[in-house]
């Protein structure tokens, strides 16, 4: 079996785009527009199912179905409400997307979490099945050790506490044609995913190392939710260099326009 990658819907949020993009000509209003609405729009999430001869890997898990209850103590339920499909409220979440592929969580051999935020690791415990190996970056695991209380920013420890999560220290090919790239800055240990595909070429999925196409630049444009701005900028430029060298197509973590127009969504679409 050749390598094949499927982009799965894993929940769509809405938010004030100022959280994601500090770009004056798009987000920050001049005095003449003081009474115009702020830019509030869709914040899609995705997971990547990668099928290889060595097994199935899943990248990220999206948002939880019980988001309102789980996020209420953090107030993120007010700032990042999840938008259900008007025609089918059951659709759009990770479990539904896996089912469309004829799979359950027990069919996943390796779960890789780009980082441990509430919209990427929220469904991680669904893979606590005795079969799926779970990993994230070692820096992320070290960083979350210092969290006390229900949450620290967008980290909610109850999403992942008690799981046996392995650490990845550097840039690494974890399966043939499947590599993780260390891109810290958004969090202590945010990682990006690179797929070297025989037919479709190299694809880079940035996760939250780059939120949106407008964040990519150049120059890169920051956001409100960034742990270390200098590390974040270094990571964006690292990704840019790799993308140029590999002539890669880059998919951003939460870009609504890209999600609507440029992604081959599963179950019909795929990359190989």
C-alpha atoms as a PDB file:
ATOM      1  CA  UNK A   1       0.000   0.000   0.000  1.00  0.00           C
ATOM      2  CA  UNK A   2       1.361   3.409  -0.968  1.00  0.00           C
ATOM      3  CA  UNK A   3       1.182   6.316   1.460  1.00  0.00           C
ATOM      4  CA  UNK A   4      -2.165   8.096   1.356  1.00  0.00           C
ATOM      5  CA  UNK A   5      -3.266  11.121   3.403  1.00  0.00           C
ATOM      6  CA  UNK A   6      -6.858  12.084   4.204  1.00  0.00           C
ATOM      7  CA  UNK A   7      -7.791  15.473   5.675  1.00  0.00           C
ATOM      8  CA  UNK A   8     -10.589  14.959   8.199  1.00  0.00           C
ATOM      9  CA  UNK A   9     -13.055  17.519   9.524  1.00  0.00           C
ATOM     10  CA  UNK A  10     -12.591  17.737  13.304  1.00  0.00           C
ATOM     11  CA  UNK A  11     -14.816  20.671  14.281  1.00  0.00           C
ATOM     12  CA  UNK A  12     -15.320  24.291  13.262  1.00  0.00           C
ATOM     13  CA  UNK A  13     -15.189  27.138  15.734  1.00  0.00           C
ATOM     14  CA  UNK A  14     -15.977  30.829  15.379  1.00  0.00           C
ATOM     15  CA  UNK A  15     -13.875  33.639  16.828  1.00  0.00           C
ATOM     16  CA  UNK A  16     -12.798  37.228  16.631  1.00  0.00           C
ATOM     17  CA  UNK A  17      -9.892  36.984  14.195  1.00  0.00           C
ATOM     18  CA  UNK A  18      -7.805  39.273  16.396  1.00  0.00           C
ATOM     19  CA  UNK A  19      -7.022  36.099  18.363  1.00  0.00           C
ATOM     20  CA  UNK A  20      -5.387  34.681  15.244  1.00  0.00           C
ATOM     21  CA  UNK A  21      -3.998  37.618  13.332  1.00  0.00           C
ATOM     22  CA  UNK A  22      -2.484  40.942  14.383  1.00  0.00           C
ATOM     23  CA  UNK A  23      -2.588  42.536  10.954  1.00  0.00           C
ATOM     24  CA  UNK A  24      -3.565  46.230  10.955  1.00  0.00           C
ATOM     25  CA  UNK A  25      -4.957  46.400   7.430  1.00  0.00           C
ATOM     26  CA  UNK A  26      -7.283  43.474   8.092  1.00  0.00           C
ATOM     27  CA  UNK A  27      -8.054  43.288  11.807  1.00  0.00           C
ATOM     28  CA  UNK A  28      -7.326  46.561  13.587  1.00  0.00           C
ATOM     29  CA  UNK A  29      -9.841  49.307  12.754  1.00  0.00           C
ATOM     30  CA  UNK A  30      -8.901  52.923  11.952  1.00  0.00           C
ATOM     31  CA  UNK A  31     -10.821  55.717  13.660  1.00  0.00           C
ATOM     32  CA  UNK A  32     -13.040  56.148  10.602  1.00  0.00           C
ATOM     33  CA  UNK A  33     -14.319  52.604  11.147  1.00  0.00           C
ATOM     34  CA  UNK A  34     -14.771  52.763  14.908  1.00  0.00           C
ATOM     35  CA  UNK A  35     -18.423  51.717  14.602  1.00  0.00           C
ATOM     36  CA  UNK A  36     -17.957  48.889  12.135  1.00  0.00           C
ATOM     37  CA  UNK A  37     -18.039  45.304  13.413  1.00  0.00           C
ATOM     38  CA  UNK A  38     -14.805  43.511  14.208  1.00  0.00           C
ATOM     39  CA  UNK A  39     -13.885  40.645  11.899  1.00  0.00           C
ATOM     40  CA  UNK A  40     -15.494  37.537  13.387  1.00  0.00           C
ATOM     41  CA  UNK A  41     -15.355  34.372  11.359  1.00  0.00           C
ATOM     42  CA  UNK A  42     -14.915  30.650  11.004  1.00  0.00           C
ATOM     43  CA  UNK A  43     -11.945  28.913  12.630  1.00  0.00           C
ATOM     44  CA  UNK A  44     -11.856  25.390  11.157  1.00  0.00           C
ATOM     45  CA  UNK A  45      -9.838  22.523  12.588  1.00  0.00           C
ATOM     46  CA  UNK A  46      -8.613  19.408  10.838  1.00  0.00           C
ATOM     47  CA  UNK A  47      -6.976  16.082  11.542  1.00  0.00           C
ATOM     48  CA  UNK A  48      -4.790  14.146   9.110  1.00  0.00           C
ATOM     49  CA  UNK A  49      -5.201  10.405   8.652  1.00  0.00           C
ATOM     50  CA  UNK A  50      -2.086   8.936   7.031  1.00  0.00           C
ATOM     51  CA  UNK A  51      -2.212   5.364   5.751  1.00  0.00           C
ATOM     52  CA  UNK A  52       1.163   3.707   5.247  1.00  0.00           C
ATOM     53  CA  UNK A  53       2.405   0.125   4.844  1.00  0.00           C
ATOM     54  CA  UNK A  54       3.523   0.344   8.497  1.00  0.00           C
ATOM     55  CA  UNK A  55       0.074   1.296   9.784  1.00  0.00           C
ATOM     56  CA  UNK A  56      -2.313   4.206  10.234  1.00  0.00           C
ATOM     57  CA  UNK A  57      -1.221   7.476  11.812  1.00  0.00           C
ATOM     58  CA  UNK A  58      -3.522  10.287  12.937  1.00  0.00           C
ATOM     59  CA  UNK A  59      -2.354  13.872  13.354  1.00  0.00           C
ATOM     60  CA  UNK A  60      -4.397  15.823  15.960  1.00  0.00           C
ATOM     61  CA  UNK A  61      -7.922  15.228  17.232  1.00  0.00           C
ATOM     62  CA  UNK A  62      -9.834  18.514  16.920  1.00  0.00           C
ATOM     63  CA  UNK A  63     -12.533  19.795  19.266  1.00  0.00           C
ATOM     64  CA  UNK A  64     -14.751  17.746  21.617  1.00  0.00           C
ATOM     65  CA  UNK A  65     -18.485  17.234  21.285  1.00  0.00           C
ATOM     66  CA  UNK A  66     -18.936  18.408  24.893  1.00  0.00           C
ATOM     67  CA  UNK A  67     -17.023  21.633  24.197  1.00  0.00           C
ATOM     68  CA  UNK A  68     -19.570  23.922  25.922  1.00  0.00           C
ATOM     69  CA  UNK A  69     -19.319  22.104  29.257  1.00  0.00           C
ATOM     70  CA  UNK A  70     -15.597  21.383  29.043  1.00  0.00           C
ATOM     71  CA  UNK A  71     -14.633  24.905  28.035  1.00  0.00           C
ATOM     72  CA  UNK A  72     -16.999  26.847  30.314  1.00  0.00           C
ATOM     73  CA  UNK A  73     -14.501  27.066  33.216  1.00  0.00           C
ATOM     74  CA  UNK A  74     -11.963  28.618  30.813  1.00  0.00           C
ATOM     75  CA  UNK A  75     -14.461  31.056  29.147  1.00  0.00           C
ATOM     76  CA  UNK A  76     -13.314  29.719  25.757  1.00  0.00           C
ATOM     77  CA  UNK A  77     -16.902  28.634  25.182  1.00  0.00           C
ATOM     78  CA  UNK A  78     -17.675  32.353  24.801  1.00  0.00           C
ATOM     79  CA  UNK A  79     -14.703  33.203  22.592  1.00  0.00           C
ATOM     80  CA  UNK A  80     -14.423  30.041  20.438  1.00  0.00           C
ATOM     81  CA  UNK A  81     -17.916  28.523  20.166  1.00  0.00           C
ATOM     82  CA  UNK A  82     -18.145  25.438  17.979  1.00  0.00           C
ATOM     83  CA  UNK A  83     -20.485  25.716  15.001  1.00  0.00           C
ATOM     84  CA  UNK A  84     -22.520  22.605  14.251  1.00  0.00           C
ATOM     85  CA  UNK A  85     -23.558  21.584  10.759  1.00  0.00           C
ATOM     86  CA  UNK A  86     -27.087  22.956  10.292  1.00  0.00           C
ATOM     87  CA  UNK A  87     -28.189  19.908   8.319  1.00  0.00           C
ATOM     88  CA  UNK A  88     -26.474  17.268  10.455  1.00  0.00           C
ATOM     89  CA  UNK A  89     -25.310  18.293  13.954  1.00  0.00           C
ATOM     90  CA  UNK A  90     -23.553  14.915  14.321  1.00  0.00           C
ATOM     91  CA  UNK A  91     -21.250  15.660  11.398  1.00  0.00           C
ATOM     92  CA  UNK A  92     -17.958  17.514  11.435  1.00  0.00           C
ATOM     93  CA  UNK A  93     -16.426  16.006  14.580  1.00  0.00           C
ATOM     94  CA  UNK A  94     -13.522  13.572  14.514  1.00  0.00           C
ATOM     95  CA  UNK A  95     -15.495  10.448  15.424  1.00  0.00           C
ATOM     96  CA  UNK A  96     -17.910  11.109  12.555  1.00  0.00           C
ATOM     97  CA  UNK A  97     -15.052  11.736  10.130  1.00  0.00           C
ATOM     98  CA  UNK A  98     -13.335   8.491  11.119  1.00  0.00           C
ATOM     99  CA  UNK A  99     -16.624   6.625  10.727  1.00  0.00           C
ATOM    100  CA  UNK A 100     -16.943   8.008   7.210  1.00  0.00           C
ATOM    101  CA  UNK A 101     -13.624   6.288   6.503  1.00  0.00           C
ATOM    102  CA  UNK A 102     -14.944   3.051   8.011  1.00  0.00           C
ATOM    103  CA  UNK A 103     -12.681   3.446  11.042  1.00  0.00           C
ATOM    104  CA  UNK A 104     -12.800   3.826  14.812  1.00  0.00           C
ATOM    105  CA  UNK A 105     -10.140   5.054  17.208  1.00  0.00           C
ATOM    106  CA  UNK A 106      -8.932   1.462  17.653  1.00  0.00           C
ATOM    107  CA  UNK A 107      -7.919   1.371  13.997  1.00  0.00           C
ATOM    108  CA  UNK A 108      -5.267   4.057  14.598  1.00  0.00           C
ATOM    109  CA  UNK A 109      -1.799   2.718  15.320  1.00  0.00           C
ATOM    110  CA  UNK A 110      -0.106   6.050  16.067  1.00  0.00           C
ATOM    111  CA  UNK A 111      -1.616   9.340  17.264  1.00  0.00           C
ATOM    112  CA  UNK A 112       0.653  12.370  16.950  1.00  0.00           C
ATOM    113  CA  UNK A 113      -0.461  15.544  18.724  1.00  0.00           C
ATOM    114  CA  UNK A 114       0.977  18.733  17.271  1.00  0.00           C
ATOM    115  CA  UNK A 115       0.581  20.283  20.727  1.00  0.00           C
ATOM    116  CA  UNK A 116      -1.777  19.916  23.686  1.00  0.00           C
ATOM    117  CA  UNK A 117      -4.205  22.815  23.243  1.00  0.00           C
ATOM    118  CA  UNK A 118      -7.955  22.375  23.709  1.00  0.00           C
ATOM    119  CA  UNK A 119      -8.699  22.274  19.958  1.00  0.00           C
ATOM    120  CA  UNK A 120      -5.956  19.799  19.028  1.00  0.00           C
ATOM    121  CA  UNK A 121      -5.720  17.286  21.886  1.00  0.00           C
ATOM    122  CA  UNK A 122      -9.297  17.414  23.185  1.00  0.00           C
ATOM    123  CA  UNK A 123     -10.198  13.911  21.967  1.00  0.00           C
ATOM    124  CA  UNK A 124      -6.904  12.265  22.869  1.00  0.00           C
ATOM    125  CA  UNK A 125      -8.438  10.100  25.595  1.00  0.00           C
ATOM    126  CA  UNK A 126     -10.635   8.415  22.993  1.00  0.00           C
ATOM    127  CA  UNK A 127      -7.421   6.688  21.869  1.00  0.00           C
ATOM    128  CA  UNK A 128      -6.611   5.249  25.307  1.00  0.00           C
ATOM    129  CA  UNK A 129      -7.389   1.766  24.016  1.00  0.00           C
ATOM    130  CA  UNK A 130      -4.268  -0.256  24.721  1.00  0.00           C
ATOM    131  CA  UNK A 131      -3.332  -0.272  21.024  1.00  0.00           C
ATOM    132  CA  UNK A 132      -2.768   3.290  19.825  1.00  0.00           C
ATOM    133  CA  UNK A 133       0.630   4.776  20.605  1.00  0.00           C
ATOM    134  CA  UNK A 134       0.370   8.485  21.453  1.00  0.00           C
ATOM    135  CA  UNK A 135       3.212  10.994  21.056  1.00  0.00           C
ATOM    136  CA  UNK A 136       3.851  14.722  21.086  1.00  0.00           C
ATOM    137  CA  UNK A 137       6.991  16.813  21.448  1.00  0.00           C
ATOM    138  CA  UNK A 138       9.125  16.358  24.538  1.00  0.00           C
ATOM    139  CA  UNK A 139       9.169  20.143  25.020  1.00  0.00           C
ATOM    140  CA  UNK A 140       5.370  20.217  25.166  1.00  0.00           C
ATOM    141  CA  UNK A 141       5.297  17.434  27.737  1.00  0.00           C
ATOM    142  CA  UNK A 142       7.844  19.273  29.851  1.00  0.00           C
ATOM    143  CA  UNK A 143       5.975  22.554  29.567  1.00  0.00           C
ATOM    144  CA  UNK A 144       2.604  21.255  30.715  1.00  0.00           C
ATOM    145  CA  UNK A 145       4.137  19.839  33.902  1.00  0.00           C
ATOM    146  CA  UNK A 146       3.986  23.321  35.411  1.00  0.00           C
ATOM    147  CA  UNK A 147       0.256  23.836  34.874  1.00  0.00           C
ATOM    148  CA  UNK A 148      -1.868  24.134  38.005  1.00  0.00           C
ATOM    149  CA  UNK A 149      -5.623  24.530  38.180  1.00  0.00           C
ATOM    150  CA  UNK A 150      -8.241  23.679  35.552  1.00  0.00           C
ATOM    151  CA  UNK A 151      -6.363  25.298  32.689  1.00  0.00           C
ATOM    152  CA  UNK A 152      -3.485  27.530  31.739  1.00  0.00           C
ATOM    153  CA  UNK A 153      -4.490  29.472  28.675  1.00  0.00           C
ATOM    154  CA  UNK A 154      -5.596  26.999  26.008  1.00  0.00           C
ATOM    155  CA  UNK A 155      -4.085  23.990  27.805  1.00  0.00           C
ATOM    156  CA  UNK A 156      -6.705  21.949  29.681  1.00  0.00           C
ATOM    157  CA  UNK A 157      -4.824  19.141  31.458  1.00  0.00           C
ATOM    158  CA  UNK A 158      -7.922  16.953  31.813  1.00  0.00           C
ATOM    159  CA  UNK A 159      -7.807  16.515  28.018  1.00  0.00           C
ATOM    160  CA  UNK A 160      -4.657  14.410  28.261  1.00  0.00           C
ATOM    161  CA  UNK A 161      -3.807  13.680  31.904  1.00  0.00           C
ATOM    162  CA  UNK A 162      -3.304   9.992  32.628  1.00  0.00           C
ATOM    163  CA  UNK A 163      -2.386   9.108  29.061  1.00  0.00           C
ATOM    164  CA  UNK A 164       0.904   7.411  28.279  1.00  0.00           C
ATOM    165  CA  UNK A 165       2.304  10.018  25.866  1.00  0.00           C
ATOM    166  CA  UNK A 166       5.753   9.584  24.385  1.00  0.00           C
ATOM    167  CA  UNK A 167       8.048  12.481  23.539  1.00  0.00           C
ATOM    168  CA  UNK A 168       9.736  13.473  20.282  1.00  0.00           C
ATOM    169  CA  UNK A 169      12.904  15.541  20.701  1.00  0.00           C
ATOM    170  CA  UNK A 170      13.765  16.836  17.242  1.00  0.00           C
ATOM    171  CA  UNK A 171      12.816  16.845  13.595  1.00  0.00           C
ATOM    172  CA  UNK A 172      12.187  13.208  12.802  1.00  0.00           C
ATOM    173  CA  UNK A 173      10.852  10.913  10.093  1.00  0.00           C
ATOM    174  CA  UNK A 174       8.437   8.882  12.195  1.00  0.00           C
ATOM    175  CA  UNK A 175       7.180   6.745   9.306  1.00  0.00           C
ATOM    176  CA  UNK A 176       8.446   6.476   5.725  1.00  0.00           C
ATOM    177  CA  UNK A 177       7.515   9.751   4.066  1.00  0.00           C
ATOM    178  CA  UNK A 178       6.022  11.148   7.305  1.00  0.00           C
ATOM    179  CA  UNK A 179       8.074  13.660   9.292  1.00  0.00           C
ATOM    180  CA  UNK A 180       7.492  15.960  12.232  1.00  0.00           C
ATOM    181  CA  UNK A 181       9.157  19.384  12.356  1.00  0.00           C
ATOM    182  CA  UNK A 182       9.777  21.105  15.680  1.00  0.00           C
ATOM    183  CA  UNK A 183       8.166  24.563  15.388  1.00  0.00           C
ATOM    184  CA  UNK A 184       7.890  26.000  18.920  1.00  0.00           C
ATOM    185  CA  UNK A 185       6.638  29.465  19.737  1.00  0.00           C
ATOM    186  CA  UNK A 186       2.886  29.072  19.724  1.00  0.00           C
ATOM    187  CA  UNK A 187       3.473  26.705  22.652  1.00  0.00           C
ATOM    188  CA  UNK A 188       6.594  25.184  24.220  1.00  0.00           C
ATOM    189  CA  UNK A 189       6.620  22.320  21.757  1.00  0.00           C
ATOM    190  CA  UNK A 190       4.302  22.906  18.802  1.00  0.00           C
ATOM    191  CA  UNK A 191       5.162  20.629  15.878  1.00  0.00           C
ATOM    192  CA  UNK A 192       4.311  20.709  12.178  1.00  0.00           C
ATOM    193  CA  UNK A 193       3.764  17.726   9.878  1.00  0.00           C
ATOM    194  CA  UNK A 194       5.494  17.096   6.545  1.00  0.00           C
ATOM    195  CA  UNK A 195       4.388  14.435   4.083  1.00  0.00           C
ATOM    196  CA  UNK A 196       6.572  13.461   1.130  1.00  0.00           C
ATOM    197  CA  UNK A 197       4.053  11.924  -1.252  1.00  0.00           C
ATOM    198  CA  UNK A 198       5.009  10.066  -4.443  1.00  0.00           C
ATOM    199  CA  UNK A 199       2.265  11.568  -6.611  1.00  0.00           C
ATOM    200  CA  UNK A 200       1.246  14.862  -5.002  1.00  0.00           C
ATOM    201  CA  UNK A 201       4.649  16.007  -3.784  1.00  0.00           C
ATOM    202  CA  UNK A 202       5.487  17.470  -0.385  1.00  0.00           C
ATOM    203  CA  UNK A 203       2.708  18.772   1.850  1.00  0.00           C
ATOM    204  CA  UNK A 204       3.324  20.683   5.073  1.00  0.00           C
ATOM    205  CA  UNK A 205       0.601  20.997   7.696  1.00  0.00           C
ATOM    206  CA  UNK A 206       1.688  23.776  10.027  1.00  0.00           C
ATOM    207  CA  UNK A 207      -0.793  23.273  12.863  1.00  0.00           C
ATOM    208  CA  UNK A 208      -0.726  26.453  14.969  1.00  0.00           C
ATOM    209  CA  UNK A 209       2.849  27.311  14.030  1.00  0.00           C
ATOM    210  CA  UNK A 210       1.025  29.323  11.338  1.00  0.00           C
ATOM    211  CA  UNK A 211      -2.678  29.996  11.849  1.00  0.00           C
ATOM    212  CA  UNK A 212      -3.667  31.489   8.501  1.00  0.00           C
ATOM    213  CA  UNK A 213      -2.337  32.355   5.056  1.00  0.00           C
ATOM    214  CA  UNK A 214      -2.258  36.002   6.194  1.00  0.00           C
ATOM    215  CA  UNK A 215       0.055  34.938   9.034  1.00  0.00           C
ATOM    216  CA  UNK A 216       2.556  33.370   6.625  1.00  0.00           C
ATOM    217  CA  UNK A 217       3.734  36.544   4.959  1.00  0.00           C
ATOM    218  CA  UNK A 218       6.476  37.371   4.345  1.00  0.00           C
ATOM    219  CA  UNK A 219       6.821  39.073   6.673  1.00  0.00           C
ATOM    220  CA  UNK A 220       5.206  36.700   9.141  1.00  0.00           C
ATOM    221  CA  UNK A 221       2.340  38.212  11.139  1.00  0.00           C
ATOM    222  CA  UNK A 222       1.856  37.280  14.780  1.00  0.00           C
ATOM    223  CA  UNK A 223      -1.211  36.492  16.851  1.00  0.00           C
ATOM    224  CA  UNK A 224      -2.592  37.013  20.334  1.00  0.00           C
ATOM    225  CA  UNK A 225      -2.041  33.401  21.417  1.00  0.00           C
ATOM    226  CA  UNK A 226       1.736  32.976  21.234  1.00  0.00           C
ATOM    227  CA  UNK A 227       3.931  31.712  24.072  1.00  0.00           C
ATOM    228  CA  UNK A 228       7.226  33.069  22.699  1.00  0.00           C
ATOM    229  CA  UNK A 229       7.140  35.528  19.815  1.00  0.00           C
ATOM    230  CA  UNK A 230      10.806  35.200  18.857  1.00  0.00           C
ATOM    231  CA  UNK A 231      10.666  31.412  18.844  1.00  0.00           C
ATOM    232  CA  UNK A 232       7.437  31.605  16.824  1.00  0.00           C
ATOM    233  CA  UNK A 233       9.058  33.839  14.202  1.00  0.00           C
ATOM    234  CA  UNK A 234      12.066  31.520  13.952  1.00  0.00           C
ATOM    235  CA  UNK A 235       9.704  28.592  13.415  1.00  0.00           C
ATOM    236  CA  UNK A 236       7.787  30.338  10.643  1.00  0.00           C
ATOM    237  CA  UNK A 237      11.008  31.121   8.825  1.00  0.00           C
ATOM    238  CA  UNK A 238      12.193  27.542   9.342  1.00  0.00           C
ATOM    239  CA  UNK A 239       9.004  26.286   7.713  1.00  0.00           C
ATOM    240  CA  UNK A 240       9.307  28.814   4.903  1.00  0.00           C
ATOM    241  CA  UNK A 241      12.848  27.620   4.114  1.00  0.00           C
ATOM    242  CA  UNK A 242      11.782  23.969   4.104  1.00  0.00           C
ATOM    243  CA  UNK A 243       8.732  24.734   1.956  1.00  0.00           C
ATOM    244  CA  UNK A 244      10.877  26.569  -0.591  1.00  0.00           C
ATOM    245  CA  UNK A 245      13.511  23.845  -0.714  1.00  0.00           C
ATOM    246  CA  UNK A 246      10.920  21.089  -1.068  1.00  0.00           C
ATOM    247  CA  UNK A 247       8.542  23.116  -3.280  1.00  0.00           C
ATOM    248  CA  UNK A 248       5.886  22.120  -0.775  1.00  0.00           C
ATOM    249  CA  UNK A 249       2.229  23.037  -0.597  1.00  0.00           C
ATOM    250  CA  UNK A 250       1.541  24.522   2.838  1.00  0.00           C
ATOM    251  CA  UNK A 251      -1.688  24.037   4.774  1.00  0.00           C
ATOM    252  CA  UNK A 252      -2.293  26.386   7.687  1.00  0.00           C
ATOM    253  CA  UNK A 253      -3.818  25.509  11.041  1.00  0.00           C
ATOM    254  CA  UNK A 254      -7.072  27.466  10.963  1.00  0.00           C
ATOM    255  CA  UNK A 255      -7.513  29.153   7.582  1.00  0.00           C
ATOM    256  CA  UNK A 256     -11.204  29.306   6.606  1.00  0.00           C
ATOM    257  CA  UNK A 257     -10.573  30.341   2.993  1.00  0.00           C
ATOM    258  CA  UNK A 258      -8.093  27.528   2.469  1.00  0.00           C
ATOM    259  CA  UNK A 259     -10.438  25.040   4.119  1.00  0.00           C
ATOM    260  CA  UNK A 260     -13.275  26.092   1.831  1.00  0.00           C
ATOM    261  CA  UNK A 261     -11.361  26.234  -1.430  1.00  0.00           C
ATOM    262  CA  UNK A 262      -8.046  24.396  -1.405  1.00  0.00           C
ATOM    263  CA  UNK A 263      -8.276  21.232   0.693  1.00  0.00           C
ATOM    264  CA  UNK A 264      -9.283  17.838  -0.676  1.00  0.00           C
ATOM    265  CA  UNK A 265     -11.476  16.786   2.213  1.00  0.00           C
ATOM    266  CA  UNK A 266     -12.129  13.180   3.152  1.00  0.00           C
ATOM    267  CA  UNK A 267     -13.881  10.907   2.573  1.00  0.00           C
ATOM    268  CA  UNK A 268     -13.930  11.723  -1.157  1.00  0.00           C
ATOM    269  CA  UNK A 269     -10.618  13.534  -1.458  1.00  0.00           C
ATOM    270  CA  UNK A 270      -7.107  12.445  -0.520  1.00  0.00           C
ATOM    271  CA  UNK A 271      -3.423  13.037  -1.242  1.00  0.00           C
ATOM    272  CA  UNK A 272      -1.055  10.281  -2.358  1.00  0.00           C
END
